[in-house]
Amino acid sequence: MPHMYVEYTNNLQGLNEAALMEALNATVCGHPTVSDEADVKTRIAQVNHYRIGLNSAGRAFAHVELRLMAGRTAEVKKELSDRIAAVLKSVIPAQAGLEVQLSVDIVDMDKPSYFKGKL
């Protein structure tokens, strides 16, 4: 923990996945509530099959879900969400004729049922 999941539509041309993940990890690892940078695990997936509203033409999205162990305050979660949104805005290129929706969701993980181990 934390786990970060990034999804984006395949019509976002020129998105540098490595740069996006690097920037996201830097902002989350740099937050004072994250004690060990090695705990932050990020993955990214391009979505090839999607619908946006009734007509997906000219529309795209990028969404980040950050899963954190439960217990952080609403203020901390809002701060992390704002930081992640700023990264999305700075890294995802604007494209003529394409409305890009950006979203961030912070999800609490249940501590009693979460397992983490190392080999």
PDB file of N, CA and C in Angstrom:
ATOM      1  N   MET A   1       0.855  -1.156   0.000  1.00  0.00           N
ATOM      2  CA  MET A   1       0.000   0.000   0.000  1.00  0.00           C
ATOM      3  C   MET A   1       0.894   1.210   0.000  1.00  0.00           C
ATOM      4  N   PRO A   2       0.559   2.301  -0.553  1.00  0.00           N
ATOM      5  CA  PRO A   2      -0.604   2.556  -1.411  1.00  0.00           C
ATOM      6  C   PRO A   2      -0.492   1.881  -2.786  1.00  0.00           C
ATOM      7  N   HIS A   3      -1.647   1.631  -3.348  1.00  0.00           N
ATOM      8  CA  HIS A   3      -1.738   1.105  -4.713  1.00  0.00           C
ATOM      9  C   HIS A   3      -2.397   2.171  -5.580  1.00  0.00           C
ATOM     10  N   MET A   4      -1.813   2.409  -6.739  1.00  0.00           N
ATOM     11  CA  MET A   4      -2.364   3.413  -7.649  1.00  0.00           C
ATOM     12  C   MET A   4      -2.657   2.749  -8.992  1.00  0.00           C
ATOM     13  N   TYR A   5      -3.892   2.950  -9.463  1.00  0.00           N
ATOM     14  CA  TYR A   5      -4.361   2.396 -10.733  1.00  0.00           C
ATOM     15  C   TYR A   5      -4.693   3.552 -11.667  1.00  0.00           C
ATOM     16  N   VAL A   6      -4.103   3.543 -12.853  1.00  0.00           N
ATOM     17  CA  VAL A   6      -4.355   4.588 -13.841  1.00  0.00           C
ATOM     18  C   VAL A   6      -4.990   3.938 -15.060  1.00  0.00           C
ATOM     19  N   GLU A   7      -6.095   4.501 -15.516  1.00  0.00           N
ATOM     20  CA  GLU A   7      -6.744   4.072 -16.756  1.00  0.00           C
ATOM     21  C   GLU A   7      -6.919   5.287 -17.643  1.00  0.00           C
ATOM     22  N   TYR A   8      -6.708   5.090 -18.949  1.00  0.00           N
ATOM     23  CA  TYR A   8      -6.928   6.182 -19.896  1.00  0.00           C
ATOM     24  C   TYR A   8      -7.383   5.605 -21.229  1.00  0.00           C
ATOM     25  N   THR A   9      -8.169   6.388 -21.947  1.00  0.00           N
ATOM     26  CA  THR A   9      -8.711   5.927 -23.221  1.00  0.00           C
ATOM     27  C   THR A   9      -7.643   5.962 -24.313  1.00  0.00           C
ATOM     28  N   ASN A  10      -7.803   5.038 -25.249  1.00  0.00           N
ATOM     29  CA  ASN A  10      -6.788   4.866 -26.299  1.00  0.00           C
ATOM     30  C   ASN A  10      -6.745   6.009 -27.309  1.00  0.00           C
ATOM     31  N   ASN A  11      -7.637   6.966 -27.209  1.00  0.00           N
ATOM     32  CA  ASN A  11      -7.591   8.104 -28.127  1.00  0.00           C
ATOM     33  C   ASN A  11      -6.786   9.275 -27.567  1.00  0.00           C
ATOM     34  N   LEU A  12      -6.161   9.100 -26.416  1.00  0.00           N
ATOM     35  CA  LEU A  12      -5.246  10.117 -25.876  1.00  0.00           C
ATOM     36  C   LEU A  12      -3.881   9.899 -26.534  1.00  0.00           C
ATOM     37  N   GLN A  13      -3.655  10.588 -27.618  1.00  0.00           N
ATOM     38  CA  GLN A  13      -2.429  10.423 -28.392  1.00  0.00           C
ATOM     39  C   GLN A  13      -1.254  11.095 -27.692  1.00  0.00           C
ATOM     40  N   GLY A  14      -0.118  10.440 -27.735  1.00  0.00           N
ATOM     41  CA  GLY A  14       1.105  11.039 -27.222  1.00  0.00           C
ATOM     42  C   GLY A  14       1.258  11.017 -25.712  1.00  0.00           C
ATOM     43  N   LEU A  15       0.437  10.258 -25.035  1.00  0.00           N
ATOM     44  CA  LEU A  15       0.576  10.180 -23.583  1.00  0.00           C
ATOM     45  C   LEU A  15       1.829   9.379 -23.237  1.00  0.00           C
ATOM     46  N   ASN A  16       2.706   9.967 -22.480  1.00  0.00           N
ATOM     47  CA  ASN A  16       3.935   9.307 -22.043  1.00  0.00           C
ATOM     48  C   ASN A  16       3.630   8.592 -20.729  1.00  0.00           C
ATOM     49  N   GLU A  17       3.373   7.287 -20.819  1.00  0.00           N
ATOM     50  CA  GLU A  17       2.987   6.515 -19.636  1.00  0.00           C
ATOM     51  C   GLU A  17       4.068   6.544 -18.558  1.00  0.00           C
ATOM     52  N   ALA A  18       5.321   6.379 -18.960  1.00  0.00           N
ATOM     53  CA  ALA A  18       6.416   6.360 -17.985  1.00  0.00           C
ATOM     54  C   ALA A  18       6.510   7.699 -17.247  1.00  0.00           C
ATOM     55  N   ALA A  19       6.390   8.796 -17.977  1.00  0.00           N
ATOM     56  CA  ALA A  19       6.462  10.119 -17.346  1.00  0.00           C
ATOM     57  C   ALA A  19       5.285  10.333 -16.397  1.00  0.00           C
ATOM     58  N   LEU A  20       4.099   9.873 -16.794  1.00  0.00           N
ATOM     59  CA  LEU A  20       2.927  10.022 -15.941  1.00  0.00           C
ATOM     60  C   LEU A  20       3.108   9.233 -14.648  1.00  0.00           C
ATOM     61  N   MET A  21       3.525   7.973 -14.752  1.00  0.00           N
ATOM     62  CA  MET A  21       3.716   7.168 -13.545  1.00  0.00           C
ATOM     63  C   MET A  21       4.817   7.736 -12.663  1.00  0.00           C
ATOM     64  N   GLU A  22       5.893   8.231 -13.267  1.00  0.00           N
ATOM     65  CA  GLU A  22       6.978   8.823 -12.490  1.00  0.00           C
ATOM     66  C   GLU A  22       6.484  10.055 -11.720  1.00  0.00           C
ATOM     67  N   ALA A  23       5.715  10.898 -12.372  1.00  0.00           N
ATOM     68  CA  ALA A  23       5.196  12.101 -11.723  1.00  0.00           C
ATOM     69  C   ALA A  23       4.183  11.755 -10.629  1.00  0.00           C
ATOM     70  N   LEU A  24       3.329  10.776 -10.898  1.00  0.00           N
ATOM     71  CA  LEU A  24       2.363  10.361  -9.879  1.00  0.00           C
ATOM     72  C   LEU A  24       3.064   9.786  -8.657  1.00  0.00           C
ATOM     73  N   ASN A  25       4.043   8.910  -8.899  1.00  0.00           N
ATOM     74  CA  ASN A  25       4.761   8.325  -7.771  1.00  0.00           C
ATOM     75  C   ASN A  25       5.497   9.391  -6.971  1.00  0.00           C
ATOM     76  N   ALA A  26       6.095  10.344  -7.658  1.00  0.00           N
ATOM     77  CA  ALA A  26       6.825  11.407  -6.959  1.00  0.00           C
ATOM     78  C   ALA A  26       5.892  12.200  -6.050  1.00  0.00           C
ATOM     79  N   THR A  27       4.697  12.510  -6.536  1.00  0.00           N
ATOM     80  CA  THR A  27       3.781  13.311  -5.722  1.00  0.00           C
ATOM     81  C   THR A  27       3.214  12.520  -4.546  1.00  0.00           C
ATOM     82  N   VAL A  28       2.934  11.232  -4.741  1.00  0.00           N
ATOM     83  CA  VAL A  28       2.406  10.429  -3.632  1.00  0.00           C
ATOM     84  C   VAL A  28       3.524  10.076  -2.652  1.00  0.00           C
ATOM     85  N   CYS A  29       4.687   9.664  -3.161  1.00  0.00           N
ATOM     86  CA  CYS A  29       5.817   9.327  -2.277  1.00  0.00           C
ATOM     87  C   CYS A  29       6.269  10.538  -1.469  1.00  0.00           C
ATOM     88  N   GLY A  30       6.101  11.728  -2.028  1.00  0.00           N
ATOM     89  CA  GLY A  30       6.513  12.941  -1.346  1.00  0.00           C
ATOM     90  C   GLY A  30       5.547  13.437  -0.295  1.00  0.00           C
ATOM     91  N   HIS A  31       4.394  12.799  -0.181  1.00  0.00           N
ATOM     92  CA  HIS A  31       3.415  13.226   0.815  1.00  0.00           C
ATOM     93  C   HIS A  31       3.864  12.756   2.196  1.00  0.00           C
ATOM     94  N   PRO A  32       3.738  13.603   3.218  1.00  0.00           N
ATOM     95  CA  PRO A  32       4.225  13.244   4.556  1.00  0.00           C
ATOM     96  C   PRO A  32       3.552  12.025   5.190  1.00  0.00           C
ATOM     97  N   THR A  33       2.388  11.615   4.699  1.00  0.00           N
ATOM     98  CA  THR A  33       1.726  10.446   5.290  1.00  0.00           C
ATOM     99  C   THR A  33       2.212   9.136   4.683  1.00  0.00           C
ATOM    100  N   VAL A  34       3.078   9.205   3.675  1.00  0.00           N
ATOM    101  CA  VAL A  34       3.639   7.993   3.073  1.00  0.00           C
ATOM    102  C   VAL A  34       5.041   7.810   3.643  1.00  0.00           C
ATOM    103  N   SER A  35       5.196   6.777   4.455  1.00  0.00           N
ATOM    104  CA  SER A  35       6.452   6.614   5.191  1.00  0.00           C
ATOM    105  C   SER A  35       7.543   5.905   4.391  1.00  0.00           C
ATOM    106  N   ASP A  36       7.182   5.053   3.453  1.00  0.00           N
ATOM    107  CA  ASP A  36       8.184   4.295   2.692  1.00  0.00           C
ATOM    108  C   ASP A  36       7.845   4.363   1.209  1.00  0.00           C
ATOM    109  N   GLU A  37       8.702   5.003   0.422  1.00  0.00           N
ATOM    110  CA  GLU A  37       8.435   5.165  -1.008  1.00  0.00           C
ATOM    111  C   GLU A  37       8.291   3.826  -1.721  1.00  0.00           C
ATOM    112  N   ALA A  38       8.912   2.781  -1.214  1.00  0.00           N
ATOM    113  CA  ALA A  38       8.820   1.460  -1.844  1.00  0.00           C
ATOM    114  C   ALA A  38       7.430   0.841  -1.684  1.00  0.00           C
ATOM    115  N   ASP A  39       6.615   1.425  -0.832  1.00  0.00           N
ATOM    116  CA  ASP A  39       5.245   0.922  -0.656  1.00  0.00           C
ATOM    117  C   ASP A  39       4.311   1.362  -1.780  1.00  0.00           C
ATOM    118  N   VAL A  40       4.673   2.396  -2.530  1.00  0.00           N
ATOM    119  CA  VAL A  40       3.801   2.933  -3.583  1.00  0.00           C
ATOM    120  C   VAL A  40       3.964   2.111  -4.852  1.00  0.00           C
ATOM    121  N   LYS A  41       2.880   1.477  -5.251  1.00  0.00           N
ATOM    122  CA  LYS A  41       2.890   0.617  -6.435  1.00  0.00           C
ATOM    123  C   LYS A  41       1.870   1.150  -7.442  1.00  0.00           C
ATOM    124  N   THR A  42       2.358   1.493  -8.633  1.00  0.00           N
ATOM    125  CA  THR A  42       1.508   2.100  -9.655  1.00  0.00           C
ATOM    126  C   THR A  42       1.486   1.229 -10.891  1.00  0.00           C
ATOM    127  N   ARG A  43       0.319   1.128 -11.466  1.00  0.00           N
ATOM    128  CA  ARG A  43       0.166   0.438 -12.751  1.00  0.00           C
ATOM    129  C   ARG A  43      -0.718   1.293 -13.636  1.00  0.00           C
ATOM    130  N   ILE A  44      -0.540   1.110 -14.955  1.00  0.00           N
ATOM    131  CA  ILE A  44      -1.279   1.938 -15.914  1.00  0.00           C
ATOM    132  C   ILE A  44      -1.839   1.041 -16.999  1.00  0.00           C
ATOM    133  N   ALA A  45      -3.047   1.349 -17.444  1.00  0.00           N
ATOM    134  CA  ALA A  45      -3.694   0.540 -18.481  1.00  0.00           C
ATOM    135  C   ALA A  45      -4.427   1.443 -19.465  1.00  0.00           C
ATOM    136  N   GLN A  46      -4.157   1.209 -20.713  1.00  0.00           N
ATOM    137  CA  GLN A  46      -4.896   1.897 -21.777  1.00  0.00           C
ATOM    138  C   GLN A  46      -6.194   1.127 -22.005  1.00  0.00           C
ATOM    139  N   VAL A  47      -7.297   1.856 -22.054  1.00  0.00           N
ATOM    140  CA  VAL A  47      -8.610   1.246 -22.233  1.00  0.00           C
ATOM    141  C   VAL A  47      -8.979   1.328 -23.717  1.00  0.00           C
ATOM    142  N   ASN A  48      -9.173   0.170 -24.318  1.00  0.00           N
ATOM    143  CA  ASN A  48      -9.491   0.116 -25.742  1.00  0.00           C
ATOM    144  C   ASN A  48     -10.988   0.055 -26.019  1.00  0.00           C
ATOM    145  N   HIS A  49     -11.758  -0.402 -25.082  1.00  0.00           N
ATOM    146  CA  HIS A  49     -13.209  -0.521 -25.250  1.00  0.00           C
ATOM    147  C   HIS A  49     -13.874   0.259 -24.128  1.00  0.00           C
ATOM    148  N   TYR A  50     -14.602   1.307 -24.482  1.00  0.00           N
ATOM    149  CA  TYR A  50     -15.207   2.190 -23.492  1.00  0.00           C
ATOM    150  C   TYR A  50     -16.363   2.949 -24.132  1.00  0.00           C
ATOM    151  N   ARG A  51     -17.198   3.517 -23.290  1.00  0.00           N
ATOM    152  CA  ARG A  51     -18.254   4.425 -23.718  1.00  0.00           C
ATOM    153  C   ARG A  51     -18.211   5.622 -22.792  1.00  0.00           C
ATOM    154  N   ILE A  52     -18.404   6.804 -23.346  1.00  0.00           N
ATOM    155  CA  ILE A  52     -18.516   8.022 -22.561  1.00  0.00           C
ATOM    156  C   ILE A  52     -19.845   8.658 -22.932  1.00  0.00           C
ATOM    157  N   GLY A  53     -20.767   8.612 -22.007  1.00  0.00           N
ATOM    158  CA  GLY A  53     -22.105   9.127 -22.288  1.00  0.00           C
ATOM    159  C   GLY A  53     -22.768   8.333 -23.407  1.00  0.00           C
ATOM    160  N   LEU A  54     -23.509   9.027 -24.248  1.00  0.00           N
ATOM    161  CA  LEU A  54     -24.198   8.377 -25.360  1.00  0.00           C
ATOM    162  C   LEU A  54     -23.386   8.408 -26.649  1.00  0.00           C
ATOM    163  N   ASN A  55     -22.377   9.283 -26.703  1.00  0.00           N
ATOM    164  CA  ASN A  55     -21.571   9.413 -27.912  1.00  0.00           C
ATOM    165  C   ASN A  55     -20.123   9.661 -27.502  1.00  0.00           C
ATOM    166  N   SER A  56     -19.278   8.670 -27.677  1.00  0.00           N
ATOM    167  CA  SER A  56     -17.881   8.765 -27.249  1.00  0.00           C
ATOM    168  C   SER A  56     -17.004   9.549 -28.217  1.00  0.00           C
ATOM    169  N   ALA A  57     -17.521   9.854 -29.397  1.00  0.00           N
ATOM    170  CA  ALA A  57     -16.714  10.573 -30.383  1.00  0.00           C
ATOM    171  C   ALA A  57     -16.268  11.913 -29.814  1.00  0.00           C
ATOM    172  N   GLY A  58     -14.988  12.193 -29.919  1.00  0.00           N
ATOM    173  CA  GLY A  58     -14.466  13.467 -29.444  1.00  0.00           C
ATOM    174  C   GLY A  58     -14.311  13.563 -27.946  1.00  0.00           C
ATOM    175  N   ARG A  59     -14.418  12.427 -27.256  1.00  0.00           N
ATOM    176  CA  ARG A  59     -14.307  12.408 -25.804  1.00  0.00           C
ATOM    177  C   ARG A  59     -13.255  11.389 -25.365  1.00  0.00           C
ATOM    178  N   ALA A  60     -12.600  11.699 -24.266  1.00  0.00           N
ATOM    179  CA  ALA A  60     -11.583  10.810 -23.699  1.00  0.00           C
ATOM    180  C   ALA A  60     -11.598  10.973 -22.181  1.00  0.00           C
ATOM    181  N   PHE A  61     -10.931  10.057 -21.493  1.00  0.00           N
ATOM    182  CA  PHE A  61     -10.790  10.221 -20.049  1.00  0.00           C
ATOM    183  C   PHE A  61      -9.477   9.629 -19.563  1.00  0.00           C
ATOM    184  N   ALA A  62      -9.066  10.133 -18.416  1.00  0.00           N
ATOM    185  CA  ALA A  62      -7.964   9.554 -17.647  1.00  0.00           C
ATOM    186  C   ALA A  62      -8.435   9.542 -16.202  1.00  0.00           C
ATOM    187  N   HIS A  63      -8.280   8.402 -15.560  1.00  0.00           N
ATOM    188  CA  HIS A  63      -8.771   8.237 -14.188  1.00  0.00           C
ATOM    189  C   HIS A  63      -7.683   7.600 -13.338  1.00  0.00           C
ATOM    190  N   VAL A  64      -7.494   8.130 -12.135  1.00  0.00           N
ATOM    191  CA  VAL A  64      -6.551   7.558 -11.184  1.00  0.00           C
ATOM    192  C   VAL A  64      -7.313   7.162  -9.931  1.00  0.00           C
ATOM    193  N   GLU A  65      -7.082   5.930  -9.508  1.00  0.00           N
ATOM    194  CA  GLU A  65      -7.618   5.461  -8.234  1.00  0.00           C
ATOM    195  C   GLU A  65      -6.432   5.203  -7.316  1.00  0.00           C
ATOM    196  N   LEU A  66      -6.433   5.839  -6.171  1.00  0.00           N
ATOM    197  CA  LEU A  66      -5.391   5.638  -5.169  1.00  0.00           C
ATOM    198  C   LEU A  66      -6.011   4.904  -3.997  1.00  0.00           C
ATOM    199  N   ARG A  67      -5.502   3.720  -3.735  1.00  0.00           N
ATOM    200  CA  ARG A  67      -5.990   2.907  -2.621  1.00  0.00           C
ATOM    201  C   ARG A  67      -5.027   3.045  -1.456  1.00  0.00           C
ATOM    202  N   LEU A  68      -5.568   3.489  -0.330  1.00  0.00           N
ATOM    203  CA  LEU A  68      -4.785   3.732   0.878  1.00  0.00           C
ATOM    204  C   LEU A  68      -5.354   2.943   2.042  1.00  0.00           C
ATOM    205  N   MET A  69      -4.484   2.572   2.974  1.00  0.00           N
ATOM    206  CA  MET A  69      -4.970   1.942   4.185  1.00  0.00           C
ATOM    207  C   MET A  69      -5.908   2.912   4.891  1.00  0.00           C
ATOM    208  N   ALA A  70      -7.032   2.435   5.344  1.00  0.00           N
ATOM    209  CA  ALA A  70      -8.029   3.274   6.006  1.00  0.00           C
ATOM    210  C   ALA A  70      -7.419   3.971   7.207  1.00  0.00           C
ATOM    211  N   GLY A  71      -7.910   5.173   7.490  1.00  0.00           N
ATOM    212  CA  GLY A  71      -7.480   5.899   8.671  1.00  0.00           C
ATOM    213  C   GLY A  71      -7.009   7.314   8.397  1.00  0.00           C
ATOM    214  N   ARG A  72      -6.770   7.649   7.134  1.00  0.00           N
ATOM    215  CA  ARG A  72      -6.354   9.024   6.835  1.00  0.00           C
ATOM    216  C   ARG A  72      -7.568   9.948   6.889  1.00  0.00           C
ATOM    217  N   THR A  73      -7.327  11.183   7.264  1.00  0.00           N
ATOM    218  CA  THR A  73      -8.416  12.150   7.387  1.00  0.00           C
ATOM    219  C   THR A  73      -8.929  12.557   6.005  1.00  0.00           C
ATOM    220  N   ALA A  74     -10.117  13.137   6.002  1.00  0.00           N
ATOM    221  CA  ALA A  74     -10.687  13.654   4.751  1.00  0.00           C
ATOM    222  C   ALA A  74      -9.785  14.728   4.161  1.00  0.00           C
ATOM    223  N   GLU A  75      -9.163  15.522   5.010  1.00  0.00           N
ATOM    224  CA  GLU A  75      -8.272  16.580   4.533  1.00  0.00           C
ATOM    225  C   GLU A  75      -7.047  16.006   3.822  1.00  0.00           C
ATOM    226  N   VAL A  76      -6.470  14.956   4.373  1.00  0.00           N
ATOM    227  CA  VAL A  76      -5.304  14.312   3.752  1.00  0.00           C
ATOM    228  C   VAL A  76      -5.706  13.706   2.409  1.00  0.00           C
ATOM    229  N   LYS A  77      -6.845  13.043   2.370  1.00  0.00           N
ATOM    230  CA  LYS A  77      -7.299  12.431   1.107  1.00  0.00           C
ATOM    231  C   LYS A  77      -7.573  13.502   0.051  1.00  0.00           C
ATOM    232  N   LYS A  78      -8.152  14.622   0.460  1.00  0.00           N
ATOM    233  CA  LYS A  78      -8.405  15.727  -0.474  1.00  0.00           C
ATOM    234  C   LYS A  78      -7.087  16.295  -0.995  1.00  0.00           C
ATOM    235  N   GLU A  79      -6.110  16.443  -0.116  1.00  0.00           N
ATOM    236  CA  GLU A  79      -4.806  16.952  -0.535  1.00  0.00           C
ATOM    237  C   GLU A  79      -4.149  16.007  -1.543  1.00  0.00           C
ATOM    238  N   LEU A  80      -4.189  14.719  -1.287  1.00  0.00           N
ATOM    239  CA  LEU A  80      -3.627  13.744  -2.230  1.00  0.00           C
ATOM    240  C   LEU A  80      -4.371  13.783  -3.559  1.00  0.00           C
ATOM    241  N   SER A  81      -5.694  13.870  -3.496  1.00  0.00           N
ATOM    242  CA  SER A  81      -6.500  13.947  -4.716  1.00  0.00           C
ATOM    243  C   SER A  81      -6.138  15.178  -5.534  1.00  0.00           C
ATOM    244  N   ASP A  82      -6.003  16.318  -4.872  1.00  0.00           N
ATOM    245  CA  ASP A  82      -5.638  17.557  -5.568  1.00  0.00           C
ATOM    246  C   ASP A  82      -4.253  17.453  -6.203  1.00  0.00           C
ATOM    247  N   ARG A  83      -3.316  16.849  -5.483  1.00  0.00           N
ATOM    248  CA  ARG A  83      -1.958  16.687  -6.029  1.00  0.00           C
ATOM    249  C   ARG A  83      -1.968  15.782  -7.260  1.00  0.00           C
ATOM    250  N   ILE A  84      -2.725  14.704  -7.193  1.00  0.00           N
ATOM    251  CA  ILE A  84      -2.801  13.776  -8.329  1.00  0.00           C
ATOM    252  C   ILE A  84      -3.468  14.457  -9.515  1.00  0.00           C
ATOM    253  N   ALA A  85      -4.541  15.215  -9.264  1.00  0.00           N
ATOM    254  CA  ALA A  85      -5.217  15.939 -10.347  1.00  0.00           C
ATOM    255  C   ALA A  85      -4.267  16.927 -11.013  1.00  0.00           C
ATOM    256  N   ALA A  86      -3.441  17.597 -10.228  1.00  0.00           N
ATOM    257  CA  ALA A  86      -2.467  18.541 -10.794  1.00  0.00           C
ATOM    258  C   ALA A  86      -1.476  17.824 -11.699  1.00  0.00           C
ATOM    259  N   VAL A  87      -1.068  16.620 -11.311  1.00  0.00           N
ATOM    260  CA  VAL A  87      -0.167  15.837 -12.162  1.00  0.00           C
ATOM    261  C   VAL A  87      -0.860  15.492 -13.474  1.00  0.00           C
ATOM    262  N   LEU A  88      -2.104  15.031 -13.401  1.00  0.00           N
ATOM    263  CA  LEU A  88      -2.838  14.696 -14.632  1.00  0.00           C
ATOM    264  C   LEU A  88      -2.902  15.902 -15.565  1.00  0.00           C
ATOM    265  N   LYS A  89      -3.223  17.056 -15.000  1.00  0.00           N
ATOM    266  CA  LYS A  89      -3.337  18.276 -15.810  1.00  0.00           C
ATOM    267  C   LYS A  89      -2.006  18.676 -16.439  1.00  0.00           C
ATOM    268  N   SER A  90      -0.915  18.402 -15.755  1.00  0.00           N
ATOM    269  CA  SER A  90       0.387  18.834 -16.264  1.00  0.00           C
ATOM    270  C   SER A  90       1.005  17.840 -17.246  1.00  0.00           C
ATOM    271  N   VAL A  91       0.662  16.570 -17.138  1.00  0.00           N
ATOM    272  CA  VAL A  91       1.319  15.551 -17.968  1.00  0.00           C
ATOM    273  C   VAL A  91       0.492  15.150 -19.188  1.00  0.00           C
ATOM    274  N   ILE A  92      -0.821  15.151 -19.062  1.00  0.00           N
ATOM    275  CA  ILE A  92      -1.660  14.718 -20.187  1.00  0.00           C
ATOM    276  C   ILE A  92      -1.783  15.860 -21.183  1.00  0.00           C
ATOM    277  N   PRO A  93      -1.391  15.601 -22.429  1.00  0.00           N
ATOM    278  CA  PRO A  93      -1.416  16.684 -23.425  1.00  0.00           C
ATOM    279  C   PRO A  93      -2.841  17.009 -23.884  1.00  0.00           C
ATOM    280  N   ALA A  94      -3.133  18.305 -23.999  1.00  0.00           N
ATOM    281  CA  ALA A  94      -4.414  18.728 -24.572  1.00  0.00           C
ATOM    282  C   ALA A  94      -4.400  18.398 -26.063  1.00  0.00           C
ATOM    283  N   GLN A  95      -5.567  18.066 -26.585  1.00  0.00           N
ATOM    284  CA  GLN A  95      -5.653  17.705 -27.995  1.00  0.00           C
ATOM    285  C   GLN A  95      -6.849  18.404 -28.618  1.00  0.00           C
ATOM    286  N   ALA A  96      -6.592  19.022 -29.744  1.00  0.00           N
ATOM    287  CA  ALA A  96      -7.653  19.736 -30.461  1.00  0.00           C
ATOM    288  C   ALA A  96      -8.783  18.773 -30.807  1.00  0.00           C
ATOM    289  N   GLY A  97      -9.999  19.220 -30.558  1.00  0.00           N
ATOM    290  CA  GLY A  97     -11.172  18.432 -30.910  1.00  0.00           C
ATOM    291  C   GLY A  97     -11.461  17.275 -29.979  1.00  0.00           C
ATOM    292  N   LEU A  98     -10.772  17.220 -28.854  1.00  0.00           N
ATOM    293  CA  LEU A  98     -10.971  16.111 -27.918  1.00  0.00           C
ATOM    294  C   LEU A  98     -11.218  16.673 -26.512  1.00  0.00           C
ATOM    295  N   GLU A  99     -12.393  16.375 -25.965  1.00  0.00           N
ATOM    296  CA  GLU A  99     -12.705  16.747 -24.592  1.00  0.00           C
ATOM    297  C   GLU A  99     -12.194  15.632 -23.684  1.00  0.00           C
ATOM    298  N   VAL A 100     -11.238  15.975 -22.811  1.00  0.00           N
ATOM    299  CA  VAL A 100     -10.633  14.978 -21.932  1.00  0.00           C
ATOM    300  C   VAL A 100     -11.145  15.195 -20.513  1.00  0.00           C
ATOM    301  N   GLN A 101     -11.793  14.174 -19.974  1.00  0.00           N
ATOM    302  CA  GLN A 101     -12.281  14.223 -18.605  1.00  0.00           C
ATOM    303  C   GLN A 101     -11.222  13.592 -17.697  1.00  0.00           C
ATOM    304  N   LEU A 102     -10.867  14.295 -16.632  1.00  0.00           N
ATOM    305  CA  LEU A 102      -9.895  13.803 -15.663  1.00  0.00           C
ATOM    306  C   LEU A 102     -10.612  13.529 -14.350  1.00  0.00           C
ATOM    307  N   SER A 103     -10.248  12.440 -13.693  1.00  0.00           N
ATOM    308  CA  SER A 103     -10.870  12.136 -12.403  1.00  0.00           C
ATOM    309  C   SER A 103      -9.885  11.402 -11.501  1.00  0.00           C
ATOM    310  N   VAL A 104     -10.103  11.576 -10.200  1.00  0.00           N
ATOM    311  CA  VAL A 104      -9.284  10.949  -9.171  1.00  0.00           C
ATOM    312  C   VAL A 104     -10.221  10.426  -8.093  1.00  0.00           C
ATOM    313  N   ASP A 105      -9.943   9.223  -7.613  1.00  0.00           N
ATOM    314  CA  ASP A 105     -10.730   8.646  -6.529  1.00  0.00           C
ATOM    315  C   ASP A 105      -9.770   8.091  -5.485  1.00  0.00           C
ATOM    316  N   ILE A 106      -9.991   8.430  -4.228  1.00  0.00           N
ATOM    317  CA  ILE A 106      -9.207   7.901  -3.124  1.00  0.00           C
ATOM    318  C   ILE A 106     -10.072   6.850  -2.430  1.00  0.00           C
ATOM    319  N   VAL A 107      -9.551   5.644  -2.318  1.00  0.00           N
ATOM    320  CA  VAL A 107     -10.308   4.521  -1.782  1.00  0.00           C
ATOM    321  C   VAL A 107      -9.620   4.004  -0.523  1.00  0.00           C
ATOM    322  N   ASP A 108     -10.395   3.824   0.540  1.00  0.00           N
ATOM    323  CA  ASP A 108      -9.865   3.243   1.777  1.00  0.00           C
ATOM    324  C   ASP A 108      -9.810   1.729   1.658  1.00  0.00           C
ATOM    325  N   MET A 109      -8.669   1.165   2.034  1.00  0.00           N
ATOM    326  CA  MET A 109      -8.505  -0.287   2.075  1.00  0.00           C
ATOM    327  C   MET A 109      -8.775  -0.750   3.507  1.00  0.00           C
ATOM    328  N   ASP A 110      -9.367  -1.922   3.643  1.00  0.00           N
ATOM    329  CA  ASP A 110      -9.720  -2.481   4.943  1.00  0.00           C
ATOM    330  C   ASP A 110      -8.497  -3.140   5.576  1.00  0.00           C
ATOM    331  N   LYS A 111      -7.998  -2.550   6.640  1.00  0.00           N
ATOM    332  CA  LYS A 111      -6.772  -3.032   7.286  1.00  0.00           C
ATOM    333  C   LYS A 111      -6.863  -4.482   7.752  1.00  0.00           C
ATOM    334  N   PRO A 112      -7.937  -4.911   8.396  1.00  0.00           N
ATOM    335  CA  PRO A 112      -7.977  -6.286   8.876  1.00  0.00           C
ATOM    336  C   PRO A 112      -7.902  -7.352   7.772  1.00  0.00           C
ATOM    337  N   SER A 113      -8.393  -7.022   6.581  1.00  0.00           N
ATOM    338  CA  SER A 113      -8.396  -8.035   5.516  1.00  0.00           C
ATOM    339  C   SER A 113      -7.254  -7.877   4.518  1.00  0.00           C
ATOM    340  N   TYR A 114      -6.467  -6.824   4.647  1.00  0.00           N
ATOM    341  CA  TYR A 114      -5.370  -6.593   3.712  1.00  0.00           C
ATOM    342  C   TYR A 114      -4.161  -7.446   4.103  1.00  0.00           C
ATOM    343  N   PHE A 115      -3.575  -8.091   3.102  1.00  0.00           N
ATOM    344  CA  PHE A 115      -2.352  -8.854   3.321  1.00  0.00           C
ATOM    345  C   PHE A 115      -1.225  -8.237   2.517  1.00  0.00           C
ATOM    346  N   LYS A 116      -0.062  -8.153   3.132  1.00  0.00           N
ATOM    347  CA  LYS A 116       1.152  -7.750   2.436  1.00  0.00           C
ATOM    348  C   LYS A 116       2.272  -8.620   2.956  1.00  0.00           C
ATOM    349  N   GLY A 117       3.008  -9.198   2.034  1.00  0.00           N
ATOM    350  CA  GLY A 117       4.150 -10.031   2.418  1.00  0.00           C
ATOM    351  C   GLY A 117       5.274  -9.831   1.425  1.00  0.00           C
ATOM    352  N   LYS A 118       6.416 -10.389   1.732  1.00  0.00           N
ATOM    353  CA  LYS A 118       7.583 -10.312   0.847  1.00  0.00           C
ATOM    354  C   LYS A 118       8.198 -11.688   0.706  1.00  0.00           C
ATOM    355  N   LEU A 119       8.777 -11.914  -0.446  1.00  0.00           N
ATOM    356  CA  LEU A 119       9.507 -13.156  -0.684  1.00  0.00           C
ATOM    357  C   LEU A 119      10.988 -12.893  -0.697  1.00  0.00           C
TER     358      LEU A 119
END
